[in-house]
Amino acid sequence: MHYFAYGSNMDLALMRRLCGWHCHFLSRGLLEGYELNLGERGFGNIFPSSTESVYGVLFEVDDFCLKALDEFEDCPDIFERKELRVKDDYGNPTTAWVYIEKTEVAPEVMPNPSYWQRVLLAARENNLPKQWIEKIKQIANNSR
């Protein structure tokens, strides 16, 4: 099964710490119909959008890894896990688990600096598009 990471979980080292050898990098990914923004706690969250898309990383995971991610994401209390259609690096659609915080867009919230630094480093590490890295910088600076 697949997992789509769009925040700090794009960090390959973090995923290895969380899941050990129960996860494997597959590809960069694109989730259409959602936008990345600030959740109520200053971390990244995605929200439905008719015009935006979210870049991230696709992983192959097993039940052990999903359980570890559920714990890490405080699912189902703070985040919920949904199965959504994501495109891989070649444009092929696949179904992937995605964690979405149960919150509204919170533009007045200050971004968590250390979290957004990790997201930015992970986006660069995974060679996400330059315009996406700029979007992450804008959110991190709370300057949308």
Protein backbone atom coordinates (compact mmCIF):
# COMPACT_ATOMS: atom_id res chain seq x y z
CA MET A 1 0.00 0.00 0.00
CA HIS A 2 1.06 3.61 -0.52
CA TYR A 3 1.43 6.64 1.74
CA PHE A 4 1.67 10.23 0.49
CA ALA A 5 3.71 12.60 2.69
CA TYR A 6 3.48 16.37 2.15
CA GLY A 7 5.01 17.77 5.37
CA SER A 8 7.89 16.77 7.61
CA ASN A 9 7.28 13.09 6.81
CA MET A 10 8.82 13.74 3.39
CA ASP A 11 12.12 13.53 5.32
CA LEU A 12 13.50 10.10 4.46
CA ALA A 13 15.49 9.88 7.71
CA LEU A 14 12.38 10.65 9.78
CA MET A 15 10.39 7.99 7.95
CA ARG A 16 13.18 5.50 8.56
CA ARG A 17 13.11 6.34 12.31
CA LEU A 18 9.33 5.98 12.43
CA CYS A 19 8.95 2.85 10.32
CA GLY A 20 12.35 1.19 10.08
CA TRP A 21 12.53 -0.95 6.96
CA HIS A 22 8.74 -1.08 6.73
CA CYS A 23 8.68 1.87 4.30
CA HIS A 24 10.37 2.48 0.97
CA PHE A 25 10.61 5.61 -1.17
CA LEU A 26 8.67 5.15 -4.40
CA SER A 27 8.50 8.50 -6.15
CA ARG A 28 7.65 12.12 -5.83
CA GLY A 29 3.89 12.57 -5.90
CA LEU A 30 1.20 15.09 -6.77
CA LEU A 31 -2.17 15.34 -5.02
CA GLU A 32 -4.60 17.36 -7.12
CA GLY A 33 -7.60 19.16 -5.67
CA TYR A 34 -5.91 20.14 -2.40
CA GLU A 35 -3.76 23.01 -1.20
CA LEU A 36 -1.05 23.17 1.46
CA ASN A 37 -1.60 25.73 4.19
CA LEU A 38 -1.30 26.30 7.94
CA GLY A 39 -3.33 24.24 10.35
CA GLU A 40 -4.35 25.52 13.78
CA ARG A 41 -1.09 24.36 15.39
CA GLY A 42 1.27 26.06 12.92
CA PHE A 43 2.09 22.85 11.05
CA GLY A 44 1.27 21.92 7.48
CA ASN A 45 -2.16 20.69 6.54
CA ILE A 46 -4.02 20.20 3.29
CA PHE A 47 -7.43 21.56 2.42
CA PRO A 48 -9.75 20.89 -0.55
CA SER A 49 -9.20 23.29 -3.45
CA SER A 50 -10.60 23.46 -6.96
CA THR A 51 -7.43 25.07 -8.36
CA GLU A 52 -4.44 23.91 -6.30
CA SER A 53 -2.28 20.78 -6.02
CA VAL A 54 0.14 19.50 -3.39
CA TYR A 55 3.57 18.03 -4.12
CA GLY A 56 5.04 15.42 -1.82
CA VAL A 57 6.58 11.97 -1.60
CA LEU A 58 5.04 8.55 -2.18
CA PHE A 59 6.17 5.67 0.01
CA GLU A 60 5.41 1.96 -0.07
CA VAL A 61 4.35 1.05 3.48
CA ASP A 62 2.99 -1.92 5.38
CA ASP A 63 0.61 -2.26 8.34
CA PHE A 64 3.46 -1.83 10.84
CA CYS A 65 4.40 1.52 9.29
CA LEU A 66 0.77 2.71 9.11
CA LYS A 67 0.35 1.93 12.80
CA ALA A 68 3.53 3.90 13.59
CA LEU A 69 2.30 6.81 11.45
CA ASP A 70 -1.13 6.73 13.13
CA GLU A 71 0.61 7.07 16.49
CA PHE A 72 2.97 9.80 15.29
CA GLU A 73 0.13 11.80 13.69
CA ASP A 74 -2.19 11.25 16.69
CA CYS A 75 -4.73 9.61 14.42
CA PRO A 76 -7.71 9.61 14.78
CA ASP A 77 -7.77 12.35 17.46
CA ILE A 78 -5.95 15.19 15.65
CA PHE A 79 -5.41 13.78 12.15
CA GLU A 80 -7.58 11.51 10.09
CA ARG A 81 -6.21 9.10 7.51
CA LYS A 82 -7.91 9.17 4.10
CA GLU A 83 -7.34 7.17 0.95
CA LEU A 84 -6.88 9.58 -1.97
CA ARG A 85 -5.76 9.43 -5.61
CA VAL A 86 -2.19 10.65 -6.09
CA LYS A 87 -0.08 10.81 -9.25
CA ASP A 88 3.46 9.45 -9.19
CA ASP A 89 6.46 11.06 -10.89
CA TYR A 90 5.35 9.68 -14.26
CA GLY A 91 1.75 10.91 -13.97
CA ASN A 92 0.39 7.45 -13.16
CA PRO A 93 -2.50 7.57 -10.67
CA THR A 94 -2.37 5.45 -7.54
CA THR A 95 -4.29 5.27 -4.29
CA ALA A 96 -2.40 6.41 -1.19
CA TRP A 97 -3.09 7.03 2.47
CA VAL A 98 -2.89 10.73 3.37
CA TYR A 99 -3.10 12.31 6.85
CA ILE A 100 -5.29 15.41 7.13
CA GLU A 101 -5.57 17.43 10.33
CA LYS A 102 -9.13 17.96 11.57
CA THR A 103 -8.90 21.75 11.46
CA GLU A 104 -9.71 24.79 9.38
CA VAL A 105 -7.23 27.00 7.53
CA ALA A 106 -5.64 29.19 10.20
CA PRO A 107 -3.82 32.05 8.43
CA GLU A 108 -3.50 34.03 11.68
CA VAL A 109 -1.47 31.23 13.30
CA MET A 110 2.29 31.64 13.38
CA PRO A 111 4.13 28.88 11.51
CA ASN A 112 6.26 26.52 13.62
CA PRO A 113 9.80 27.49 12.44
CA SER A 114 11.60 24.20 13.13
CA TYR A 115 8.82 22.19 11.49
CA TRP A 116 8.84 24.31 8.33
CA GLN A 117 12.64 24.16 8.17
CA ARG A 118 12.37 20.34 8.10
CA VAL A 119 9.67 20.51 5.42
CA LEU A 120 11.84 22.81 3.30
CA LEU A 121 14.91 20.57 3.65
CA ALA A 122 12.86 17.47 2.81
CA ALA A 123 11.37 19.17 -0.27
CA ARG A 124 14.87 19.99 -1.48
CA GLU A 125 16.17 16.51 -0.61
CA ASN A 126 13.42 14.99 -2.76
CA ASN A 127 13.95 17.46 -5.64
CA LEU A 128 10.43 18.84 -5.55
CA PRO A 129 9.76 21.62 -8.09
CA LYS A 130 11.29 25.04 -7.42
CA GLN A 131 7.89 26.75 -7.43
CA TRP A 132 6.77 24.31 -4.71
CA ILE A 133 9.82 25.11 -2.60
CA GLU A 134 8.94 28.81 -2.97
CA LYS A 135 5.38 28.06 -1.82
CA ILE A 136 6.75 26.30 1.28
CA LYS A 137 8.93 29.35 2.00
CA GLN A 138 5.90 31.65 1.72
CA ILE A 139 3.89 29.54 4.17
CA ALA A 140 6.86 29.30 6.54
CA ASN A 141 7.13 33.10 6.49
CA ASN A 142 3.34 33.46 6.81
CA SER A 143 3.29 35.62 3.67
CA ARG A 144 0.68 34.08 1.39
